[in-house]
Amino acid sequence: MKMSDVLFFDKMLTPIFINVVYWVLLAMVLLGGLNSIFGGGITFSGFIFGLIAICIGAFLVRVWCELMLVMFKMNEALQEIRKKQ
């Protein structure tokens, strides 16, 4: 990656950061779910809510990050099309 690519926005840096954000958000979802399970004493409702929060949270974080990456992939594809013309 050349510095001119970065300075003139020919190469995007954000997709690299989205990967980091994904893992941070996934860790937060896991910690939140575990806090729900073990935070107020182990109860059946807390356990179920914590498992559901972990599953749904992990799914939603993945979908959100994939949607962000799709926008950048579309941008890269459009740049390749423009270069071929």
C-alpha atoms as a PDB file:
ATOM      1  CA  MET A   1       0.000   0.000   0.000  1.00  0.00           C
ATOM      2  CA  LYS A   2       1.486   3.281  -1.113  1.00  0.00           C
ATOM      3  CA  MET A   3       1.100   6.500   0.842  1.00  0.00           C
ATOM      4  CA  SER A   4      -0.523   8.173  -2.175  1.00  0.00           C
ATOM      5  CA  ASP A   5      -3.239   5.476  -2.157  1.00  0.00           C
ATOM      6  CA  VAL A   6      -4.085   6.395   1.413  1.00  0.00           C
ATOM      7  CA  LEU A   7      -3.845  10.165   0.959  1.00  0.00           C
ATOM      8  CA  PHE A   8      -6.062  10.207  -2.128  1.00  0.00           C
ATOM      9  CA  PHE A   9      -8.523   7.583  -0.809  1.00  0.00           C
ATOM     10  CA  ASP A  10      -7.672   5.064  -3.520  1.00  0.00           C
ATOM     11  CA  LYS A  11      -7.197   2.399  -0.838  1.00  0.00           C
ATOM     12  CA  MET A  12      -9.536   2.248   2.148  1.00  0.00           C
ATOM     13  CA  LEU A  13      -8.210   1.675   5.653  1.00  0.00           C
ATOM     14  CA  THR A  14     -11.569   1.172   7.338  1.00  0.00           C
ATOM     15  CA  PRO A  15     -12.007  -2.520   6.368  1.00  0.00           C
ATOM     16  CA  ILE A  16      -8.939  -3.290   8.477  1.00  0.00           C
ATOM     17  CA  PHE A  17     -10.491  -1.524  11.451  1.00  0.00           C
ATOM     18  CA  ILE A  18     -13.848  -3.258  10.964  1.00  0.00           C
ATOM     19  CA  ASN A  19     -12.133  -6.569  11.681  1.00  0.00           C
ATOM     20  CA  VAL A  20     -10.784  -5.177  14.973  1.00  0.00           C
ATOM     21  CA  VAL A  21     -14.174  -3.659  15.835  1.00  0.00           C
ATOM     22  CA  TYR A  22     -15.825  -7.034  15.190  1.00  0.00           C
ATOM     23  CA  TRP A  23     -13.635  -8.813  17.731  1.00  0.00           C
ATOM     24  CA  VAL A  24     -14.036  -6.047  20.313  1.00  0.00           C
ATOM     25  CA  LEU A  25     -17.826  -6.059  19.937  1.00  0.00           C
ATOM     26  CA  LEU A  26     -17.905  -9.846  20.068  1.00  0.00           C
ATOM     27  CA  ALA A  27     -15.932  -9.780  23.330  1.00  0.00           C
ATOM     28  CA  MET A  28     -18.340  -7.175  24.729  1.00  0.00           C
ATOM     29  CA  VAL A  29     -21.343  -9.326  23.793  1.00  0.00           C
ATOM     30  CA  LEU A  30     -19.731 -12.338  25.445  1.00  0.00           C
ATOM     31  CA  LEU A  31     -18.884 -10.417  28.616  1.00  0.00           C
ATOM     32  CA  GLY A  32     -22.380  -8.918  28.738  1.00  0.00           C
ATOM     33  CA  GLY A  33     -23.961 -12.339  28.359  1.00  0.00           C
ATOM     34  CA  LEU A  34     -21.713 -13.836  31.015  1.00  0.00           C
ATOM     35  CA  ASN A  35     -22.521 -10.908  33.300  1.00  0.00           C
ATOM     36  CA  SER A  36     -26.196 -11.616  32.793  1.00  0.00           C
ATOM     37  CA  ILE A  37     -25.677 -15.283  33.633  1.00  0.00           C
ATOM     38  CA  PHE A  38     -23.431 -14.881  36.669  1.00  0.00           C
ATOM     39  CA  GLY A  39     -23.992 -11.232  37.674  1.00  0.00           C
ATOM     40  CA  GLY A  40     -26.960 -11.463  39.999  1.00  0.00           C
ATOM     41  CA  GLY A  41     -26.501 -15.014  41.129  1.00  0.00           C
ATOM     42  CA  ILE A  42     -27.171 -17.962  38.915  1.00  0.00           C
ATOM     43  CA  THR A  43     -30.873 -18.091  38.114  1.00  0.00           C
ATOM     44  CA  PHE A  44     -32.635 -19.966  35.361  1.00  0.00           C
ATOM     45  CA  SER A  45     -34.012 -16.792  33.765  1.00  0.00           C
ATOM     46  CA  GLY A  46     -30.612 -15.072  33.930  1.00  0.00           C
ATOM     47  CA  PHE A  47     -28.979 -18.115  32.386  1.00  0.00           C
ATOM     48  CA  ILE A  48     -31.471 -18.292  29.521  1.00  0.00           C
ATOM     49  CA  PHE A  49     -31.364 -14.532  28.933  1.00  0.00           C
ATOM     50  CA  GLY A  50     -27.553 -14.589  28.943  1.00  0.00           C
ATOM     51  CA  LEU A  51     -27.396 -17.422  26.394  1.00  0.00           C
ATOM     52  CA  ILE A  52     -29.954 -15.713  24.164  1.00  0.00           C
ATOM     53  CA  ALA A  53     -28.092 -12.391  24.453  1.00  0.00           C
ATOM     54  CA  ILE A  54     -24.806 -14.051  23.480  1.00  0.00           C
ATOM     55  CA  CYS A  55     -26.318 -15.862  20.488  1.00  0.00           C
ATOM     56  CA  ILE A  56     -28.367 -12.959  19.147  1.00  0.00           C
ATOM     57  CA  GLY A  57     -25.677 -10.392  19.952  1.00  0.00           C
ATOM     58  CA  ALA A  58     -22.978 -12.369  18.168  1.00  0.00           C
ATOM     59  CA  PHE A  59     -25.256 -12.792  15.152  1.00  0.00           C
ATOM     60  CA  LEU A  60     -26.145  -9.080  15.000  1.00  0.00           C
ATOM     61  CA  VAL A  61     -22.518  -7.985  15.382  1.00  0.00           C
ATOM     62  CA  ARG A  62     -21.522 -10.314  12.543  1.00  0.00           C
ATOM     63  CA  VAL A  63     -24.313  -9.043  10.268  1.00  0.00           C
ATOM     64  CA  TRP A  64     -23.471  -5.399  10.999  1.00  0.00           C
ATOM     65  CA  CYS A  65     -19.767  -5.891  10.267  1.00  0.00           C
ATOM     66  CA  GLU A  66     -20.514  -7.834   7.078  1.00  0.00           C
ATOM     67  CA  LEU A  67     -22.816  -5.050   5.860  1.00  0.00           C
ATOM     68  CA  MET A  68     -20.054  -2.519   6.474  1.00  0.00           C
ATOM     69  CA  LEU A  69     -17.579  -4.671   4.553  1.00  0.00           C
ATOM     70  CA  VAL A  70     -20.014  -5.131   1.662  1.00  0.00           C
ATOM     71  CA  MET A  71     -20.050  -1.381   1.101  1.00  0.00           C
ATOM     72  CA  PHE A  72     -16.263  -1.300   0.874  1.00  0.00           C
ATOM     73  CA  LYS A  73     -16.178  -4.343  -1.433  1.00  0.00           C
ATOM     74  CA  MET A  74     -18.676  -2.598  -3.721  1.00  0.00           C
ATOM     75  CA  ASN A  75     -16.402   0.445  -3.753  1.00  0.00           C
ATOM     76  CA  GLU A  76     -13.400  -1.711  -4.692  1.00  0.00           C
ATOM     77  CA  ALA A  77     -15.360  -3.424  -7.472  1.00  0.00           C
ATOM     78  CA  LEU A  78     -16.495  -0.078  -8.866  1.00  0.00           C
ATOM     79  CA  GLN A  79     -12.912   1.205  -8.838  1.00  0.00           C
ATOM     80  CA  GLU A  80     -11.762  -1.871 -10.764  1.00  0.00           C
ATOM     81  CA  ILE A  81     -14.521  -1.352 -13.325  1.00  0.00           C
ATOM     82  CA  ARG A  82     -13.507   2.292 -13.708  1.00  0.00           C
ATOM     83  CA  LYS A  83      -9.847   1.335 -14.222  1.00  0.00           C
ATOM     84  CA  LYS A  84     -10.781  -1.154 -16.979  1.00  0.00           C
ATOM     85  CA  GLN A  85     -12.626   1.475 -18.989  1.00  0.00           C
END
